């Protein structure tokens, strides 16, 4: 009886666990065409900025495509940056995180970059 109870508790525990997958986008997926040459010390680093986009999928159905998830995160990042004057965002990276629980999948894209301001 004890073994049956232990096996039952273990099975129920496995049902309520989730799996997480995280991945960095290593290819150049940035669609902006701004060319910034940082060869001279004519800039200063202002700080960093981040934007997130989240989507839920049930049974693998619903939500946005991976491309639109990334674009929404980047749009949120640009909105949070409040770029004015001679400021630009460089070193843009997008990280993807997926959390799966049986029939539910939660995908998140996190875009981050560095804000610089040109001084000359």
C-alpha atoms as a PDB file:
ATOM      1  CA  UNK A   1       0.000   0.000   0.000  1.00  0.00           C
ATOM      2  CA  UNK A   2       2.870   2.386   0.830  1.00  0.00           C
ATOM      3  CA  UNK A   3       4.541   1.713  -2.540  1.00  0.00           C
ATOM      4  CA  UNK A   4       1.272   2.356  -4.391  1.00  0.00           C
ATOM      5  CA  UNK A   5       0.812   5.648  -2.528  1.00  0.00           C
ATOM      6  CA  UNK A   6       4.416   6.694  -3.233  1.00  0.00           C
ATOM      7  CA  UNK A   7       4.088   5.880  -6.948  1.00  0.00           C
ATOM      8  CA  UNK A   8       0.774   7.777  -7.102  1.00  0.00           C
ATOM      9  CA  UNK A   9       2.285  10.860  -5.481  1.00  0.00           C
ATOM     10  CA  UNK A  10       5.276  10.708  -7.848  1.00  0.00           C
ATOM     11  CA  UNK A  11       2.984  10.479 -10.897  1.00  0.00           C
ATOM     12  CA  UNK A  12       0.867  13.413  -9.752  1.00  0.00           C
ATOM     13  CA  UNK A  13       4.046  15.396  -9.081  1.00  0.00           C
ATOM     14  CA  UNK A  14       5.277  14.727 -12.625  1.00  0.00           C
ATOM     15  CA  UNK A  15       1.964  15.885 -14.082  1.00  0.00           C
ATOM     16  CA  UNK A  16       2.293  19.287 -12.422  1.00  0.00           C
ATOM     17  CA  UNK A  17       5.887  19.961 -13.467  1.00  0.00           C
ATOM     18  CA  UNK A  18       6.815  22.085 -16.444  1.00  0.00           C
ATOM     19  CA  UNK A  19       9.679  22.310 -18.898  1.00  0.00           C
ATOM     20  CA  UNK A  20      11.508  25.509 -19.794  1.00  0.00           C
ATOM     21  CA  UNK A  21      13.506  26.104 -22.952  1.00  0.00           C
ATOM     22  CA  UNK A  22      15.596  29.215 -23.501  1.00  0.00           C
ATOM     23  CA  UNK A  23      17.497  30.252 -26.604  1.00  0.00           C
ATOM     24  CA  UNK A  24      19.365  33.308 -27.857  1.00  0.00           C
ATOM     25  CA  UNK A  25      18.895  34.463 -31.429  1.00  0.00           C
ATOM     26  CA  UNK A  26      22.466  34.408 -32.751  1.00  0.00           C
ATOM     27  CA  UNK A  27      21.764  35.419 -36.338  1.00  0.00           C
ATOM     28  CA  UNK A  28      21.235  39.004 -37.444  1.00  0.00           C
ATOM     29  CA  UNK A  29      17.461  39.311 -37.326  1.00  0.00           C
ATOM     30  CA  UNK A  30      17.434  43.075 -36.906  1.00  0.00           C
ATOM     31  CA  UNK A  31      15.482  44.665 -39.744  1.00  0.00           C
ATOM     32  CA  UNK A  32      16.496  48.255 -39.060  1.00  0.00           C
ATOM     33  CA  UNK A  33      18.838  49.683 -41.704  1.00  0.00           C
ATOM     34  CA  UNK A  34      20.696  52.243 -39.600  1.00  0.00           C
ATOM     35  CA  UNK A  35      24.445  51.993 -39.975  1.00  0.00           C
ATOM     36  CA  UNK A  36      26.405  53.158 -36.954  1.00  0.00           C
ATOM     37  CA  UNK A  37      30.212  53.406 -37.103  1.00  0.00           C
ATOM     38  CA  UNK A  38      31.738  53.353 -33.639  1.00  0.00           C
ATOM     39  CA  UNK A  39      35.393  53.653 -34.693  1.00  0.00           C
ATOM     40  CA  UNK A  40      36.046  56.917 -32.824  1.00  0.00           C
ATOM     41  CA  UNK A  41      35.215  57.984 -29.303  1.00  0.00           C
ATOM     42  CA  UNK A  42      32.438  60.275 -30.526  1.00  0.00           C
ATOM     43  CA  UNK A  43      29.718  58.670 -28.445  1.00  0.00           C
ATOM     44  CA  UNK A  44      28.812  57.896 -24.859  1.00  0.00           C
ATOM     45  CA  UNK A  45      26.802  54.996 -23.479  1.00  0.00           C
ATOM     46  CA  UNK A  46      23.543  56.166 -21.941  1.00  0.00           C
ATOM     47  CA  UNK A  47      22.242  52.816 -20.665  1.00  0.00           C
ATOM     48  CA  UNK A  48      20.391  49.709 -21.677  1.00  0.00           C
ATOM     49  CA  UNK A  49      16.803  49.137 -22.735  1.00  0.00           C
ATOM     50  CA  UNK A  50      14.570  46.059 -22.823  1.00  0.00           C
ATOM     51  CA  UNK A  51      11.238  45.052 -24.301  1.00  0.00           C
ATOM     52  CA  UNK A  52       9.132  41.908 -23.878  1.00  0.00           C
ATOM     53  CA  UNK A  53       6.369  40.173 -25.755  1.00  0.00           C
ATOM     54  CA  UNK A  54       4.447  37.147 -24.441  1.00  0.00           C
ATOM     55  CA  UNK A  55       2.081  34.730 -26.145  1.00  0.00           C
ATOM     56  CA  UNK A  56       0.078  31.700 -24.944  1.00  0.00           C
ATOM     57  CA  UNK A  57      -0.600  28.581 -26.996  1.00  0.00           C
ATOM     58  CA  UNK A  58      -3.100  25.839 -26.107  1.00  0.00           C
ATOM     59  CA  UNK A  59      -2.570  22.443 -27.749  1.00  0.00           C
ATOM     60  CA  UNK A  60      -0.046  24.234 -29.992  1.00  0.00           C
ATOM     61  CA  UNK A  61      -2.759  26.485 -31.426  1.00  0.00           C
ATOM     62  CA  UNK A  62      -3.152  30.226 -31.122  1.00  0.00           C
ATOM     63  CA  UNK A  63      -1.027  33.262 -30.791  1.00  0.00           C
ATOM     64  CA  UNK A  64       1.480  34.952 -33.014  1.00  0.00           C
ATOM     65  CA  UNK A  65       4.242  33.516 -35.159  1.00  0.00           C
ATOM     66  CA  UNK A  66       7.811  33.568 -33.865  1.00  0.00           C
ATOM     67  CA  UNK A  67       8.653  36.455 -36.207  1.00  0.00           C
ATOM     68  CA  UNK A  68       5.787  38.637 -34.970  1.00  0.00           C
ATOM     69  CA  UNK A  69       6.638  37.743 -31.351  1.00  0.00           C
ATOM     70  CA  UNK A  70      10.202  39.022 -31.971  1.00  0.00           C
ATOM     71  CA  UNK A  71       8.969  42.146 -33.779  1.00  0.00           C
ATOM     72  CA  UNK A  72       6.563  42.970 -30.931  1.00  0.00           C
ATOM     73  CA  UNK A  73       9.392  42.674 -28.398  1.00  0.00           C
ATOM     74  CA  UNK A  74      11.612  44.939 -30.502  1.00  0.00           C
ATOM     75  CA  UNK A  75       8.802  47.499 -30.932  1.00  0.00           C
ATOM     76  CA  UNK A  76       8.314  47.523 -27.154  1.00  0.00           C
ATOM     77  CA  UNK A  77      12.075  48.019 -26.704  1.00  0.00           C
ATOM     78  CA  UNK A  78      12.115  50.999 -29.101  1.00  0.00           C
ATOM     79  CA  UNK A  79       9.082  52.484 -27.330  1.00  0.00           C
ATOM     80  CA  UNK A  80      10.804  52.131 -23.930  1.00  0.00           C
ATOM     81  CA  UNK A  81      14.002  53.772 -25.250  1.00  0.00           C
ATOM     82  CA  UNK A  82      12.472  57.248 -25.827  1.00  0.00           C
ATOM     83  CA  UNK A  83      15.065  58.052 -28.493  1.00  0.00           C
ATOM     84  CA  UNK A  84      15.623  61.764 -29.035  1.00  0.00           C
ATOM     85  CA  UNK A  85      18.229  63.796 -30.908  1.00  0.00           C
ATOM     86  CA  UNK A  86      21.378  61.877 -31.760  1.00  0.00           C
ATOM     87  CA  UNK A  87      20.664  58.712 -29.774  1.00  0.00           C
ATOM     88  CA  UNK A  88      20.667  55.205 -31.235  1.00  0.00           C
ATOM     89  CA  UNK A  89      20.264  51.617 -30.066  1.00  0.00           C
ATOM     90  CA  UNK A  90      23.147  49.220 -30.764  1.00  0.00           C
ATOM     91  CA  UNK A  91      23.914  45.589 -29.859  1.00  0.00           C
ATOM     92  CA  UNK A  92      20.307  44.420 -30.177  1.00  0.00           C
ATOM     93  CA  UNK A  93      19.750  40.827 -29.026  1.00  0.00           C
ATOM     94  CA  UNK A  94      16.573  38.765 -28.785  1.00  0.00           C
ATOM     95  CA  UNK A  95      16.186  35.894 -26.305  1.00  0.00           C
ATOM     96  CA  UNK A  96      13.341  33.375 -26.475  1.00  0.00           C
ATOM     97  CA  UNK A  97      11.914  31.540 -23.477  1.00  0.00           C
ATOM     98  CA  UNK A  98       9.310  28.783 -23.705  1.00  0.00           C
ATOM     99  CA  UNK A  99       7.497  27.289 -20.735  1.00  0.00           C
ATOM    100  CA  UNK A 100       5.455  24.156 -21.364  1.00  0.00           C
ATOM    101  CA  UNK A 101       2.928  22.569 -19.019  1.00  0.00           C
ATOM    102  CA  UNK A 102       1.126  19.592 -20.590  1.00  0.00           C
ATOM    103  CA  UNK A 103      -1.270  21.304 -23.023  1.00  0.00           C
ATOM    104  CA  UNK A 104      -0.218  24.932 -22.422  1.00  0.00           C
ATOM    105  CA  UNK A 105       2.848  26.631 -23.909  1.00  0.00           C
ATOM    106  CA  UNK A 106       3.882  30.172 -22.934  1.00  0.00           C
ATOM    107  CA  UNK A 107       6.399  31.812 -25.285  1.00  0.00           C
ATOM    108  CA  UNK A 108       8.251  34.999 -24.428  1.00  0.00           C
ATOM    109  CA  UNK A 109      10.632  37.085 -26.546  1.00  0.00           C
ATOM    110  CA  UNK A 110      12.928  39.516 -24.748  1.00  0.00           C
ATOM    111  CA  UNK A 111      14.696  42.157 -26.859  1.00  0.00           C
ATOM    112  CA  UNK A 112      17.548  44.100 -25.281  1.00  0.00           C
ATOM    113  CA  UNK A 113      19.958  46.722 -26.554  1.00  0.00           C
ATOM    114  CA  UNK A 114      22.363  49.483 -25.554  1.00  0.00           C
ATOM    115  CA  UNK A 115      21.461  53.170 -25.944  1.00  0.00           C
ATOM    116  CA  UNK A 116      24.293  55.436 -27.114  1.00  0.00           C
ATOM    117  CA  UNK A 117      24.384  59.168 -27.787  1.00  0.00           C
ATOM    118  CA  UNK A 118      26.700  60.767 -30.320  1.00  0.00           C
ATOM    119  CA  UNK A 119      28.660  63.745 -28.988  1.00  0.00           C
ATOM    120  CA  UNK A 120      30.212  65.146 -32.210  1.00  0.00           C
END
